[in-house]
Amino acid sequence: MAVDDRRRNLVEVAGLKISFENDELRDSCCLYERGEETFGPFLANIVFNMLAEAEAADNAVEWHEILVNDLLSCGADAFQIAVGPDYIANFVPVGRKYAVGEDGKTEWSSVTRLKVTAIWRR
């Protein structure tokens, strides 16, 4: 089997890819025990579900549609979402494969990679 034939047989995995500003934030969001220590059991569950929903979406706009009222603001190069009643998470696009309009604003429908830069108490 030629290399080109093998590439055609690969299944492309869709979905948003999420990265984190630092290891501490990643561990708080991805390791349940650490999330419970950081946010408490209730909010740790919300964080885990939030990230699972993000990874199930094909792009940032699709995720925004899932978030509905939890999407607090969406600017030119970042957006914030409510994480339960007490926290806010900030996301920015990463990588080079997303579009920016003539006005300099991110075209969120082209974003497939996001970074969590911070989660803070309101």
C-alpha atoms as a PDB file:
ATOM      1  CA  MET A   1       0.000   0.000   0.000  1.00  0.00           C
ATOM      2  CA  ALA A   2       1.441   3.353  -0.998  1.00  0.00           C
ATOM      3  CA  VAL A   3       1.780   6.200   1.497  1.00  0.00           C
ATOM      4  CA  ASP A   4      -0.912   8.257  -0.314  1.00  0.00           C
ATOM      5  CA  ASP A   5      -3.348   5.320  -0.079  1.00  0.00           C
ATOM      6  CA  ARG A   6      -2.770   5.077   3.685  1.00  0.00           C
ATOM      7  CA  ARG A   7      -3.392   8.796   4.170  1.00  0.00           C
ATOM      8  CA  ARG A   8      -6.741   8.542   2.407  1.00  0.00           C
ATOM      9  CA  ASN A   9      -7.788   5.837   4.864  1.00  0.00           C
ATOM     10  CA  LEU A  10      -7.113   7.980   7.949  1.00  0.00           C
ATOM     11  CA  VAL A  11     -10.088   9.398   9.759  1.00  0.00           C
ATOM     12  CA  GLU A  12      -9.758  13.095  10.545  1.00  0.00           C
ATOM     13  CA  VAL A  13     -10.615  13.844  14.149  1.00  0.00           C
ATOM     14  CA  ALA A  14     -12.762  16.944  14.453  1.00  0.00           C
ATOM     15  CA  GLY A  15     -13.330  19.092  17.470  1.00  0.00           C
ATOM     16  CA  LEU A  16     -11.814  21.994  19.297  1.00  0.00           C
ATOM     17  CA  LYS A  17      -8.407  21.439  20.813  1.00  0.00           C
ATOM     18  CA  ILE A  18      -7.872  23.080  24.196  1.00  0.00           C
ATOM     19  CA  SER A  19      -4.523  24.107  25.675  1.00  0.00           C
ATOM     20  CA  PHE A  20      -3.717  25.954  28.875  1.00  0.00           C
ATOM     21  CA  GLU A  21      -1.629  28.968  29.875  1.00  0.00           C
ATOM     22  CA  ASN A  22       0.395  26.928  32.377  1.00  0.00           C
ATOM     23  CA  ASP A  23       0.698  23.510  33.996  1.00  0.00           C
ATOM     24  CA  GLU A  24      -1.106  24.551  37.182  1.00  0.00           C
ATOM     25  CA  LEU A  25      -4.173  25.698  35.234  1.00  0.00           C
ATOM     26  CA  ARG A  26      -4.077  22.546  33.087  1.00  0.00           C
ATOM     27  CA  ASP A  27      -3.931  20.307  36.144  1.00  0.00           C
ATOM     28  CA  SER A  28      -6.817  22.178  37.821  1.00  0.00           C
ATOM     29  CA  CYS A  29      -8.921  21.718  34.691  1.00  0.00           C
ATOM     30  CA  CYS A  30      -7.909  18.189  33.665  1.00  0.00           C
ATOM     31  CA  LEU A  31      -7.193  16.282  36.881  1.00  0.00           C
ATOM     32  CA  TYR A  32     -10.429  15.892  38.815  1.00  0.00           C
ATOM     33  CA  GLU A  33      -8.802  15.683  42.251  1.00  0.00           C
ATOM     34  CA  ARG A  34      -6.807  18.857  41.553  1.00  0.00           C
ATOM     35  CA  GLY A  35      -9.944  20.549  40.210  1.00  0.00           C
ATOM     36  CA  GLU A  36     -11.790  19.726  43.436  1.00  0.00           C
ATOM     37  CA  GLU A  37      -8.941  21.237  45.461  1.00  0.00           C
ATOM     38  CA  THR A  38      -8.931  24.396  43.335  1.00  0.00           C
ATOM     39  CA  PHE A  39     -12.621  24.981  42.643  1.00  0.00           C
ATOM     40  CA  GLY A  40     -14.498  22.638  44.960  1.00  0.00           C
ATOM     41  CA  PRO A  41     -16.441  19.530  43.804  1.00  0.00           C
ATOM     42  CA  PHE A  42     -19.394  21.395  42.266  1.00  0.00           C
ATOM     43  CA  LEU A  43     -17.334  23.783  40.144  1.00  0.00           C
ATOM     44  CA  ALA A  44     -14.760  21.124  39.236  1.00  0.00           C
ATOM     45  CA  ASN A  45     -17.608  19.172  37.657  1.00  0.00           C
ATOM     46  CA  ILE A  46     -18.716  22.285  35.748  1.00  0.00           C
ATOM     47  CA  VAL A  47     -15.163  22.864  34.466  1.00  0.00           C
ATOM     48  CA  PHE A  48     -14.849  19.255  33.291  1.00  0.00           C
ATOM     49  CA  ASN A  49     -18.223  19.393  31.527  1.00  0.00           C
ATOM     50  CA  MET A  50     -17.401  22.759  29.959  1.00  0.00           C
ATOM     51  CA  LEU A  51     -14.196  21.389  28.438  1.00  0.00           C
ATOM     52  CA  ALA A  52     -15.930  18.223  27.241  1.00  0.00           C
ATOM     53  CA  GLU A  53     -18.547  20.336  25.458  1.00  0.00           C
ATOM     54  CA  ALA A  54     -15.785  22.434  23.893  1.00  0.00           C
ATOM     55  CA  GLU A  55     -13.976  19.383  22.572  1.00  0.00           C
ATOM     56  CA  ALA A  56     -17.240  18.059  21.106  1.00  0.00           C
ATOM     57  CA  ALA A  57     -17.729  21.238  19.043  1.00  0.00           C
ATOM     58  CA  ASP A  58     -16.107  21.607  15.615  1.00  0.00           C
ATOM     59  CA  ASN A  59     -15.172  25.270  16.069  1.00  0.00           C
ATOM     60  CA  ALA A  60     -15.518  28.164  18.494  1.00  0.00           C
ATOM     61  CA  VAL A  61     -18.838  29.418  17.059  1.00  0.00           C
ATOM     62  CA  GLU A  62     -20.417  25.984  17.444  1.00  0.00           C
ATOM     63  CA  TRP A  63     -19.282  25.958  21.068  1.00  0.00           C
ATOM     64  CA  HIS A  64     -20.629  29.491  21.574  1.00  0.00           C
ATOM     65  CA  GLU A  65     -24.025  28.209  20.410  1.00  0.00           C
ATOM     66  CA  ILE A  66     -23.864  25.424  23.002  1.00  0.00           C
ATOM     67  CA  LEU A  67     -22.887  27.879  25.761  1.00  0.00           C
ATOM     68  CA  VAL A  68     -25.943  30.108  25.193  1.00  0.00           C
ATOM     69  CA  ASN A  69     -26.174  32.290  28.346  1.00  0.00           C
ATOM     70  CA  ASP A  70     -22.773  31.246  29.728  1.00  0.00           C
ATOM     71  CA  LEU A  71     -20.977  33.189  26.976  1.00  0.00           C
ATOM     72  CA  LEU A  72     -20.418  36.495  28.765  1.00  0.00           C
ATOM     73  CA  SER A  73     -18.485  38.409  26.111  1.00  0.00           C
ATOM     74  CA  CYS A  74     -16.841  37.775  22.774  1.00  0.00           C
ATOM     75  CA  GLY A  75     -14.294  40.302  21.565  1.00  0.00           C
ATOM     76  CA  ALA A  76     -11.898  40.626  18.673  1.00  0.00           C
ATOM     77  CA  ASP A  77      -9.312  38.252  20.122  1.00  0.00           C
ATOM     78  CA  ALA A  78     -10.749  36.656  23.289  1.00  0.00           C
ATOM     79  CA  PHE A  79     -13.980  35.543  24.898  1.00  0.00           C
ATOM     80  CA  GLN A  80     -15.121  34.927  28.444  1.00  0.00           C
ATOM     81  CA  ILE A  81     -17.559  32.356  29.746  1.00  0.00           C
ATOM     82  CA  ALA A  82     -19.249  31.866  33.091  1.00  0.00           C
ATOM     83  CA  VAL A  83     -18.007  28.871  35.043  1.00  0.00           C
ATOM     84  CA  GLY A  84     -20.838  28.368  37.466  1.00  0.00           C
ATOM     85  CA  PRO A  85     -21.980  31.312  39.530  1.00  0.00           C
ATOM     86  CA  ASP A  86     -18.554  32.271  40.893  1.00  0.00           C
ATOM     87  CA  TYR A  87     -15.894  32.035  38.170  1.00  0.00           C
ATOM     88  CA  ILE A  88     -15.075  33.351  34.692  1.00  0.00           C
ATOM     89  CA  ALA A  89     -12.806  31.630  32.173  1.00  0.00           C
ATOM     90  CA  ASN A  90     -10.910  33.487  29.454  1.00  0.00           C
ATOM     91  CA  PHE A  91     -10.168  31.848  26.090  1.00  0.00           C
ATOM     92  CA  VAL A  92      -8.000  33.037  23.190  1.00  0.00           C
ATOM     93  CA  PRO A  93      -7.449  31.507  19.751  1.00  0.00           C
ATOM     94  CA  VAL A  94      -4.088  29.836  19.163  1.00  0.00           C
ATOM     95  CA  GLY A  95      -2.242  28.573  16.123  1.00  0.00           C
ATOM     96  CA  ARG A  96      -1.981  30.052  12.662  1.00  0.00           C
ATOM     97  CA  LYS A  97      -4.896  28.399  10.920  1.00  0.00           C
ATOM     98  CA  TYR A  98      -7.713  30.746  11.879  1.00  0.00           C
ATOM     99  CA  ALA A  99      -8.992  33.693   9.884  1.00  0.00           C
ATOM    100  CA  VAL A 100      -8.935  37.337  10.852  1.00  0.00           C
ATOM    101  CA  GLY A 101     -11.307  39.711   9.120  1.00  0.00           C
ATOM    102  CA  GLU A 102     -10.367  42.986   7.468  1.00  0.00           C
ATOM    103  CA  ASP A 103     -11.443  44.716  10.676  1.00  0.00           C
ATOM    104  CA  GLY A 104      -8.784  42.760  12.599  1.00  0.00           C
ATOM    105  CA  LYS A 105     -11.317  40.660  14.487  1.00  0.00           C
ATOM    106  CA  THR A 106     -11.025  36.919  14.835  1.00  0.00           C
ATOM    107  CA  GLU A 107     -13.473  34.971  12.684  1.00  0.00           C
ATOM    108  CA  TRP A 108     -14.504  32.583  15.423  1.00  0.00           C
ATOM    109  CA  SER A 109     -16.020  30.068  12.999  1.00  0.00           C
ATOM    110  CA  SER A 110     -12.482  29.347  11.741  1.00  0.00           C
ATOM    111  CA  VAL A 111     -11.006  28.756  15.218  1.00  0.00           C
ATOM    112  CA  THR A 112     -10.341  25.105  16.064  1.00  0.00           C
ATOM    113  CA  ARG A 113      -7.695  25.633  18.768  1.00  0.00           C
ATOM    114  CA  LEU A 114      -8.230  27.580  21.978  1.00  0.00           C
ATOM    115  CA  LYS A 115      -6.129  28.345  25.023  1.00  0.00           C
ATOM    116  CA  VAL A 116      -7.525  28.851  28.517  1.00  0.00           C
ATOM    117  CA  THR A 117      -5.495  31.806  29.775  1.00  0.00           C
ATOM    118  CA  ALA A 118      -7.150  32.239  33.162  1.00  0.00           C
ATOM    119  CA  ILE A 119     -10.031  31.242  35.386  1.00  0.00           C
ATOM    120  CA  TRP A 120     -10.792  33.777  38.096  1.00  0.00           C
ATOM    121  CA  ARG A 121     -13.349  34.432  40.789  1.00  0.00           C
ATOM    122  CA  ARG A 122     -15.921  37.113  39.933  1.00  0.00           C
END
